[in-house]
Each structure stands twice: as C-alpha cells, then as structure tokens.
Amino acid sequence: MKAKYNSDKSISVEMESGKIEKLQILEELNIGSNHYIIAGPENSDEAYAYKTVDANGFREFEAVGPGKEFDKLLQEYNKM
C-alpha cells in the first residue's frame, strides 16, 4: 500500500482497490527508533496504523497489519 504525506497533516493512500483516499493523521508515536502514525478518514471511527520508512530520502508509510508490531503499537497508543 502506497501513501504520500500531505502538508495539511494528512496522507493520501492508494488502497488495495486502486482508489486514492485521503486520511487525516490522528496521532504520531515513536517506539524505539521507529516512527508510526495513526490515520483515518474524516468523520469516521475507522483508523489505520502506518510505519514511517525512509525510501531514498523520501518519507513513505507502510501499513502495519496484525502481529507483534501492531500489538506493541496498540499497547503504546492505549497508554496515551
């Protein structure tokens, strides 16, 4: 899943369907040396987790799916 950071605290995400969706950044977290964002559609209860990665000098976002990394992220988010 590809995502692009926008200057208005949102990201544009290419969904699996190929549709581009704008998601508002709801929260940013650092866990160890990793940076994550929680983002979701405006006026929605849905939210998605993304890990920030450096790709050739550009900031990109990788979706964080179920597993240990997601569990740790959720645990840290719930502490906020």
PDB file of N, CA and C in Angstrom:
ATOM      1  N   MET A   1       0.841  -1.166   0.000  1.00  0.00           N
ATOM      2  CA  MET A   1       0.000   0.000   0.000  1.00  0.00           C
ATOM      3  C   MET A   1       0.893   1.239   0.000  1.00  0.00           C
ATOM      4  N   LYS A   2       0.695   2.131  -0.933  1.00  0.00           N
ATOM      5  CA  LYS A   2       1.496   3.338  -1.033  1.00  0.00           C
ATOM      6  C   LYS A   2       0.778   4.486  -0.343  1.00  0.00           C
ATOM      7  N   ALA A   3       1.568   5.357   0.300  1.00  0.00           N
ATOM      8  CA  ALA A   3       0.993   6.530   0.948  1.00  0.00           C
ATOM      9  C   ALA A   3       1.930   7.708   0.769  1.00  0.00           C
ATOM     10  N   LYS A   4       1.353   8.894   0.654  1.00  0.00           N
ATOM     11  CA  LYS A   4       2.124  10.117   0.474  1.00  0.00           C
ATOM     12  C   LYS A   4       1.695  11.115   1.534  1.00  0.00           C
ATOM     13  N   TYR A   5       2.695  11.749   2.189  1.00  0.00           N
ATOM     14  CA  TYR A   5       2.424  12.756   3.213  1.00  0.00           C
ATOM     15  C   TYR A   5       2.007  14.059   2.556  1.00  0.00           C
ATOM     16  N   ASN A   6       0.944  14.678   3.076  1.00  0.00           N
ATOM     17  CA  ASN A   6       0.480  15.975   2.600  1.00  0.00           C
ATOM     18  C   ASN A   6       0.786  17.033   3.662  1.00  0.00           C
ATOM     19  N   SER A   7       0.915  18.271   3.264  1.00  0.00           N
ATOM     20  CA  SER A   7       1.278  19.339   4.195  1.00  0.00           C
ATOM     21  C   SER A   7       0.166  19.682   5.189  1.00  0.00           C
ATOM     22  N   ASP A   8      -1.041  19.206   4.986  1.00  0.00           N
ATOM     23  CA  ASP A   8      -2.159  19.537   5.875  1.00  0.00           C
ATOM     24  C   ASP A   8      -2.420  18.457   6.935  1.00  0.00           C
ATOM     25  N   LYS A   9      -1.369  17.770   7.384  1.00  0.00           N
ATOM     26  CA  LYS A   9      -1.470  16.716   8.391  1.00  0.00           C
ATOM     27  C   LYS A   9      -2.394  15.586   7.933  1.00  0.00           C
ATOM     28  N   SER A  10      -2.236  15.208   6.692  1.00  0.00           N
ATOM     29  CA  SER A  10      -2.982  14.075   6.154  1.00  0.00           C
ATOM     30  C   SER A  10      -2.043  13.277   5.267  1.00  0.00           C
ATOM     31  N   ILE A  11      -2.473  12.080   4.914  1.00  0.00           N
ATOM     32  CA  ILE A  11      -1.744  11.283   3.938  1.00  0.00           C
ATOM     33  C   ILE A  11      -2.726  10.841   2.865  1.00  0.00           C
ATOM     34  N   SER A  12      -2.218  10.687   1.668  1.00  0.00           N
ATOM     35  CA  SER A  12      -3.003  10.138   0.566  1.00  0.00           C
ATOM     36  C   SER A  12      -2.555   8.702   0.381  1.00  0.00           C
ATOM     37  N   VAL A  13      -3.494   7.784   0.477  1.00  0.00           N
ATOM     38  CA  VAL A  13      -3.186   6.359   0.462  1.00  0.00           C
ATOM     39  C   VAL A  13      -3.826   5.704  -0.751  1.00  0.00           C
ATOM     40  N   GLU A  14      -3.027   4.901  -1.465  1.00  0.00           N
ATOM     41  CA  GLU A  14      -3.579   4.092  -2.547  1.00  0.00           C
ATOM     42  C   GLU A  14      -4.078   2.795  -1.930  1.00  0.00           C
ATOM     43  N   MET A  15      -5.386   2.635  -1.891  1.00  0.00           N
ATOM     44  CA  MET A  15      -5.999   1.468  -1.278  1.00  0.00           C
ATOM     45  C   MET A  15      -5.834   0.254  -2.200  1.00  0.00           C
ATOM     46  N   GLU A  16      -6.119  -0.931  -1.666  1.00  0.00           N
ATOM     47  CA  GLU A  16      -5.981  -2.162  -2.450  1.00  0.00           C
ATOM     48  C   GLU A  16      -6.830  -2.132  -3.712  1.00  0.00           C
ATOM     49  N   SER A  17      -7.932  -1.402  -3.663  1.00  0.00           N
ATOM     50  CA  SER A  17      -8.823  -1.293  -4.827  1.00  0.00           C
ATOM     51  C   SER A  17      -8.249  -0.387  -5.912  1.00  0.00           C
ATOM     52  N   GLY A  18      -7.154   0.331  -5.583  1.00  0.00           N
ATOM     53  CA  GLY A  18      -6.557   1.278  -6.516  1.00  0.00           C
ATOM     54  C   GLY A  18      -7.047   2.703  -6.307  1.00  0.00           C
ATOM     55  N   LYS A  19      -8.079   2.871  -5.485  1.00  0.00           N
ATOM     56  CA  LYS A  19      -8.637   4.190  -5.185  1.00  0.00           C
ATOM     57  C   LYS A  19      -7.695   4.942  -4.239  1.00  0.00           C
ATOM     58  N   ILE A  20      -7.510   6.251  -4.486  1.00  0.00           N
ATOM     59  CA  ILE A  20      -6.714   7.099  -3.607  1.00  0.00           C
ATOM     60  C   ILE A  20      -7.648   7.686  -2.554  1.00  0.00           C
ATOM     61  N   GLU A  21      -7.294   7.504  -1.284  1.00  0.00           N
ATOM     62  CA  GLU A  21      -8.116   8.013  -0.193  1.00  0.00           C
ATOM     63  C   GLU A  21      -7.269   8.918   0.693  1.00  0.00           C
ATOM     64  N   LYS A  22      -7.827  10.056   1.084  1.00  0.00           N
ATOM     65  CA  LYS A  22      -7.145  10.995   1.969  1.00  0.00           C
ATOM     66  C   LYS A  22      -7.498  10.647   3.408  1.00  0.00           C
ATOM     67  N   LEU A  23      -6.472  10.426   4.231  1.00  0.00           N
ATOM     68  CA  LEU A  23      -6.661  10.089   5.635  1.00  0.00           C
ATOM     69  C   LEU A  23      -6.040  11.175   6.503  1.00  0.00           C
ATOM     70  N   GLN A  24      -6.751  11.591   7.538  1.00  0.00           N
ATOM     71  CA  GLN A  24      -6.236  12.570   8.485  1.00  0.00           C
ATOM     72  C   GLN A  24      -5.306  11.869   9.473  1.00  0.00           C
ATOM     73  N   ILE A  25      -4.172  12.488   9.774  1.00  0.00           N
ATOM     74  CA  ILE A  25      -3.263  11.941  10.777  1.00  0.00           C
ATOM     75  C   ILE A  25      -3.849  12.263  12.145  1.00  0.00           C
ATOM     76  N   LEU A  26      -4.187  11.231  12.892  1.00  0.00           N
ATOM     77  CA  LEU A  26      -4.823  11.387  14.194  1.00  0.00           C
ATOM     78  C   LEU A  26      -3.810  11.427  15.324  1.00  0.00           C
ATOM     79  N   GLU A  27      -2.730  10.680  15.175  1.00  0.00           N
ATOM     80  CA  GLU A  27      -1.720  10.587  16.227  1.00  0.00           C
ATOM     81  C   GLU A  27      -0.404  10.143  15.626  1.00  0.00           C
ATOM     82  N   GLU A  28       0.703  10.565  16.256  1.00  0.00           N
ATOM     83  CA  GLU A  28       2.040  10.120  15.868  1.00  0.00           C
ATOM     84  C   GLU A  28       2.719   9.560  17.104  1.00  0.00           C
ATOM     85  N   LEU A  29       3.404   8.434  16.947  1.00  0.00           N
ATOM     86  CA  LEU A  29       4.075   7.775  18.060  1.00  0.00           C
ATOM     87  C   LEU A  29       5.477   7.354  17.658  1.00  0.00           C
ATOM     88  N   ASN A  30       6.377   7.370  18.622  1.00  0.00           N
ATOM     89  CA  ASN A  30       7.712   6.811  18.441  1.00  0.00           C
ATOM     90  C   ASN A  30       7.841   5.626  19.380  1.00  0.00           C
ATOM     91  N   ILE A  31       8.251   4.508  18.837  1.00  0.00           N
ATOM     92  CA  ILE A  31       8.512   3.312  19.634  1.00  0.00           C
ATOM     93  C   ILE A  31       9.909   2.859  19.260  1.00  0.00           C
ATOM     94  N   GLY A  32      10.825   2.985  20.208  1.00  0.00           N
ATOM     95  CA  GLY A  32      12.225   2.704  19.901  1.00  0.00           C
ATOM     96  C   GLY A  32      12.687   3.665  18.827  1.00  0.00           C
ATOM     97  N   SER A  33      13.302   3.153  17.792  1.00  0.00           N
ATOM     98  CA  SER A  33      13.781   4.006  16.696  1.00  0.00           C
ATOM     99  C   SER A  33      12.758   4.118  15.564  1.00  0.00           C
ATOM    100  N   ASN A  34      11.573   3.552  15.753  1.00  0.00           N
ATOM    101  CA  ASN A  34      10.540   3.573  14.712  1.00  0.00           C
ATOM    102  C   ASN A  34       9.506   4.667  14.964  1.00  0.00           C
ATOM    103  N   HIS A  35       9.040   5.277  13.882  1.00  0.00           N
ATOM    104  CA  HIS A  35       8.014   6.317  13.940  1.00  0.00           C
ATOM    105  C   HIS A  35       6.751   5.779  13.276  1.00  0.00           C
ATOM    106  N   TYR A  36       5.617   5.962  13.947  1.00  0.00           N
ATOM    107  CA  TYR A  36       4.339   5.464  13.450  1.00  0.00           C
ATOM    108  C   TYR A  36       3.313   6.587  13.420  1.00  0.00           C
ATOM    109  N   ILE A  37       2.317   6.431  12.563  1.00  0.00           N
ATOM    110  CA  ILE A  37       1.169   7.323  12.584  1.00  0.00           C
ATOM    111  C   ILE A  37      -0.100   6.483  12.631  1.00  0.00           C
ATOM    112  N   ILE A  38      -1.118   7.065  13.235  1.00  0.00           N
ATOM    113  CA  ILE A  38      -2.464   6.516  13.207  1.00  0.00           C
ATOM    114  C   ILE A  38      -3.262   7.492  12.356  1.00  0.00           C
ATOM    115  N   ALA A  39      -3.922   7.001  11.328  1.00  0.00           N
ATOM    116  CA  ALA A  39      -4.652   7.874  10.407  1.00  0.00           C
ATOM    117  C   ALA A  39      -5.985   7.242  10.048  1.00  0.00           C
ATOM    118  N   GLY A  40      -6.956   8.104   9.737  1.00  0.00           N
ATOM    119  CA  GLY A  40      -8.268   7.602   9.351  1.00  0.00           C
ATOM    120  C   GLY A  40      -9.046   8.629   8.560  1.00  0.00           C
ATOM    121  N   PRO A  41     -10.113   8.192   7.905  1.00  0.00           N
ATOM    122  CA  PRO A  41     -10.957   9.116   7.149  1.00  0.00           C
ATOM    123  C   PRO A  41     -11.606  10.138   8.089  1.00  0.00           C
ATOM    124  N   GLU A  42     -11.817  11.354   7.582  1.00  0.00           N
ATOM    125  CA  GLU A  42     -12.500  12.376   8.371  1.00  0.00           C
ATOM    126  C   GLU A  42     -13.894  11.895   8.746  1.00  0.00           C
ATOM    127  N   ASN A  43     -14.323  12.253   9.964  1.00  0.00           N
ATOM    128  CA  ASN A  43     -15.667  11.926  10.456  1.00  0.00           C
ATOM    129  C   ASN A  43     -15.966  10.430  10.412  1.00  0.00           C
ATOM    130  N   SER A  44     -14.976   9.632  10.783  1.00  0.00           N
ATOM    131  CA  SER A  44     -15.133   8.179  10.779  1.00  0.00           C
ATOM    132  C   SER A  44     -14.502   7.597  12.034  1.00  0.00           C
ATOM    133  N   ASP A  45     -14.980   6.446  12.463  1.00  0.00           N
ATOM    134  CA  ASP A  45     -14.391   5.740  13.597  1.00  0.00           C
ATOM    135  C   ASP A  45     -13.265   4.815  13.154  1.00  0.00           C
ATOM    136  N   GLU A  46     -13.057   4.684  11.846  1.00  0.00           N
ATOM    137  CA  GLU A  46     -12.007   3.812  11.326  1.00  0.00           C
ATOM    138  C   GLU A  46     -10.644   4.480  11.479  1.00  0.00           C
ATOM    139  N   ALA A  47      -9.622   3.669  11.728  1.00  0.00           N
ATOM    140  CA  ALA A  47      -8.255   4.177  11.796  1.00  0.00           C
ATOM    141  C   ALA A  47      -7.302   3.071  11.360  1.00  0.00           C
ATOM    142  N   TYR A  48      -6.177   3.477  10.808  1.00  0.00           N
ATOM    143  CA  TYR A  48      -5.167   2.550  10.307  1.00  0.00           C
ATOM    144  C   TYR A  48      -3.810   2.946  10.873  1.00  0.00           C
ATOM    145  N   ALA A  49      -2.942   1.977  11.047  1.00  0.00           N
ATOM    146  CA  ALA A  49      -1.600   2.221  11.565  1.00  0.00           C
ATOM    147  C   ALA A  49      -0.592   2.102  10.430  1.00  0.00           C
ATOM    148  N   TYR A  50       0.354   3.037  10.401  1.00  0.00           N
ATOM    149  CA  TYR A  50       1.409   3.048   9.391  1.00  0.00           C
ATOM    150  C   TYR A  50       2.753   3.290  10.052  1.00  0.00           C
ATOM    151  N   LYS A  51       3.767   2.636   9.537  1.00  0.00           N
ATOM    152  CA  LYS A  51       5.144   2.838   9.975  1.00  0.00           C
ATOM    153  C   LYS A  51       5.822   3.750   8.960  1.00  0.00           C
ATOM    154  N   THR A  52       6.509   4.767   9.455  1.00  0.00           N
ATOM    155  CA  THR A  52       7.230   5.682   8.582  1.00  0.00           C
ATOM    156  C   THR A  52       8.571   5.057   8.212  1.00  0.00           C
ATOM    157  N   VAL A  53       8.880   5.030   6.935  1.00  0.00           N
ATOM    158  CA  VAL A  53      10.161   4.499   6.470  1.00  0.00           C
ATOM    159  C   VAL A  53      10.812   5.506   5.533  1.00  0.00           C
ATOM    160  N   ASP A  54      12.129   5.498   5.514  1.00  0.00           N
ATOM    161  CA  ASP A  54      12.879   6.355   4.603  1.00  0.00           C
ATOM    162  C   ASP A  54      13.194   5.542   3.354  1.00  0.00           C
ATOM    163  N   ALA A  55      12.755   6.043   2.211  1.00  0.00           N
ATOM    164  CA  ALA A  55      12.995   5.362   0.936  1.00  0.00           C
ATOM    165  C   ALA A  55      13.688   6.335  -0.005  1.00  0.00           C
ATOM    166  N   ASN A  56      14.993   6.186  -0.104  1.00  0.00           N
ATOM    167  CA  ASN A  56      15.785   7.049  -0.988  1.00  0.00           C
ATOM    168  C   ASN A  56      15.588   8.528  -0.679  1.00  0.00           C
ATOM    169  N   GLY A  57      15.560   8.865   0.613  1.00  0.00           N
ATOM    170  CA  GLY A  57      15.424  10.254   1.022  1.00  0.00           C
ATOM    171  C   GLY A  57      14.002  10.763   1.089  1.00  0.00           C
ATOM    172  N   PHE A  58      13.035   9.922   0.777  1.00  0.00           N
ATOM    173  CA  PHE A  58      11.627  10.316   0.837  1.00  0.00           C
ATOM    174  C   PHE A  58      10.939   9.572   1.973  1.00  0.00           C
ATOM    175  N   ARG A  59       9.978  10.235   2.610  1.00  0.00           N
ATOM    176  CA  ARG A  59       9.223   9.603   3.689  1.00  0.00           C
ATOM    177  C   ARG A  59       8.051   8.838   3.084  1.00  0.00           C
ATOM    178  N   GLU A  60       7.998   7.544   3.368  1.00  0.00           N
ATOM    179  CA  GLU A  60       6.903   6.697   2.913  1.00  0.00           C
ATOM    180  C   GLU A  60       6.291   6.007   4.120  1.00  0.00           C
ATOM    181  N   PHE A  61       5.122   5.444   3.919  1.00  0.00           N
ATOM    182  CA  PHE A  61       4.397   4.801   5.002  1.00  0.00           C
ATOM    183  C   PHE A  61       4.041   3.378   4.607  1.00  0.00           C
ATOM    184  N   GLU A  62       4.304   2.449   5.516  1.00  0.00           N
ATOM    185  CA  GLU A  62       3.954   1.047   5.306  1.00  0.00           C
ATOM    186  C   GLU A  62       2.838   0.684   6.273  1.00  0.00           C
ATOM    187  N   ALA A  63       1.794   0.066   5.779  1.00  0.00           N
ATOM    188  CA  ALA A  63       0.691  -0.363   6.643  1.00  0.00           C
ATOM    189  C   ALA A  63       1.200  -1.389   7.649  1.00  0.00           C
ATOM    190  N   VAL A  64       0.741  -1.257   8.886  1.00  0.00           N
ATOM    191  CA  VAL A  64       1.087  -2.207   9.941  1.00  0.00           C
ATOM    192  C   VAL A  64      -0.121  -3.117  10.133  1.00  0.00           C
ATOM    193  N   GLY A  65       0.062  -4.396   9.841  1.00  0.00           N
ATOM    194  CA  GLY A  65      -1.022  -5.367   9.962  1.00  0.00           C
ATOM    195  C   GLY A  65      -0.946  -6.128  11.270  1.00  0.00           C
ATOM    196  N   PRO A  66      -1.842  -7.079  11.457  1.00  0.00           N
ATOM    197  CA  PRO A  66      -1.875  -7.874  12.687  1.00  0.00           C
ATOM    198  C   PRO A  66      -0.534  -8.556  12.954  1.00  0.00           C
ATOM    199  N   GLY A  67      -0.172  -8.624  14.223  1.00  0.00           N
ATOM    200  CA  GLY A  67       1.070  -9.274  14.618  1.00  0.00           C
ATOM    201  C   GLY A  67       1.714  -8.554  15.788  1.00  0.00           C
ATOM    202  N   LYS A  68       2.947  -8.927  16.101  1.00  0.00           N
ATOM    203  CA  LYS A  68       3.651  -8.376  17.258  1.00  0.00           C
ATOM    204  C   LYS A  68       3.844  -6.865  17.159  1.00  0.00           C
ATOM    205  N   GLU A  69       4.211  -6.396  15.972  1.00  0.00           N
ATOM    206  CA  GLU A  69       4.445  -4.961  15.803  1.00  0.00           C
ATOM    207  C   GLU A  69       3.153  -4.178  16.055  1.00  0.00           C
ATOM    208  N   PHE A  70       2.047  -4.645  15.507  1.00  0.00           N
ATOM    209  CA  PHE A  70       0.758  -3.980  15.706  1.00  0.00           C
ATOM    210  C   PHE A  70       0.346  -4.028  17.177  1.00  0.00           C
ATOM    211  N   ASP A  71       0.543  -5.173  17.829  1.00  0.00           N
ATOM    212  CA  ASP A  71       0.187  -5.311  19.244  1.00  0.00           C
ATOM    213  C   ASP A  71       0.964  -4.318  20.101  1.00  0.00           C
ATOM    214  N   LYS A  72       2.257  -4.155  19.826  1.00  0.00           N
ATOM    215  CA  LYS A  72       3.089  -3.206  20.570  1.00  0.00           C
ATOM    216  C   LYS A  72       2.615  -1.777  20.320  1.00  0.00           C
ATOM    217  N   LEU A  73       2.305  -1.462  19.082  1.00  0.00           N
ATOM    218  CA  LEU A  73       1.814  -0.134  18.727  1.00  0.00           C
ATOM    219  C   LEU A  73       0.494   0.156  19.445  1.00  0.00           C
ATOM    220  N   LEU A  74      -0.414  -0.793  19.450  1.00  0.00           N
ATOM    221  CA  LEU A  74      -1.699  -0.625  20.120  1.00  0.00           C
ATOM    222  C   LEU A  74      -1.513  -0.432  21.623  1.00  0.00           C
ATOM    223  N   GLN A  75      -0.603  -1.180  22.204  1.00  0.00           N
ATOM    224  CA  GLN A  75      -0.317  -1.061  23.632  1.00  0.00           C
ATOM    225  C   GLN A  75       0.189   0.349  23.963  1.00  0.00           C
ATOM    226  N   GLU A  76       1.114   0.867  23.162  1.00  0.00           N
ATOM    227  CA  GLU A  76       1.650   2.213  23.391  1.00  0.00           C
ATOM    228  C   GLU A  76       0.583   3.278  23.148  1.00  0.00           C
ATOM    229  N   TYR A  77      -0.231   3.093  22.135  1.00  0.00           N
ATOM    230  CA  TYR A  77      -1.300   4.051  21.833  1.00  0.00           C
ATOM    231  C   TYR A  77      -2.295   4.131  22.991  1.00  0.00           C
ATOM    232  N   ASN A  78      -2.635   2.993  23.567  1.00  0.00           N
ATOM    233  CA  ASN A  78      -3.599   2.964  24.672  1.00  0.00           C
ATOM    234  C   ASN A  78      -3.062   3.609  25.944  1.00  0.00           C
ATOM    235  N   LYS A  79      -1.744   3.780  26.052  1.00  0.00           N
ATOM    236  CA  LYS A  79      -1.141   4.456  27.203  1.00  0.00           C
ATOM    237  C   LYS A  79      -1.307   5.973  27.119  1.00  0.00           C
ATOM    238  N   MET A  80      -1.632   6.470  25.930  1.00  0.00           N
ATOM    239  CA  MET A  80      -1.716   7.921  25.726  1.00  0.00           C
ATOM    240  C   MET A  80      -2.959   8.508  26.368  1.00  0.00           C
TER     241      MET A  80
END
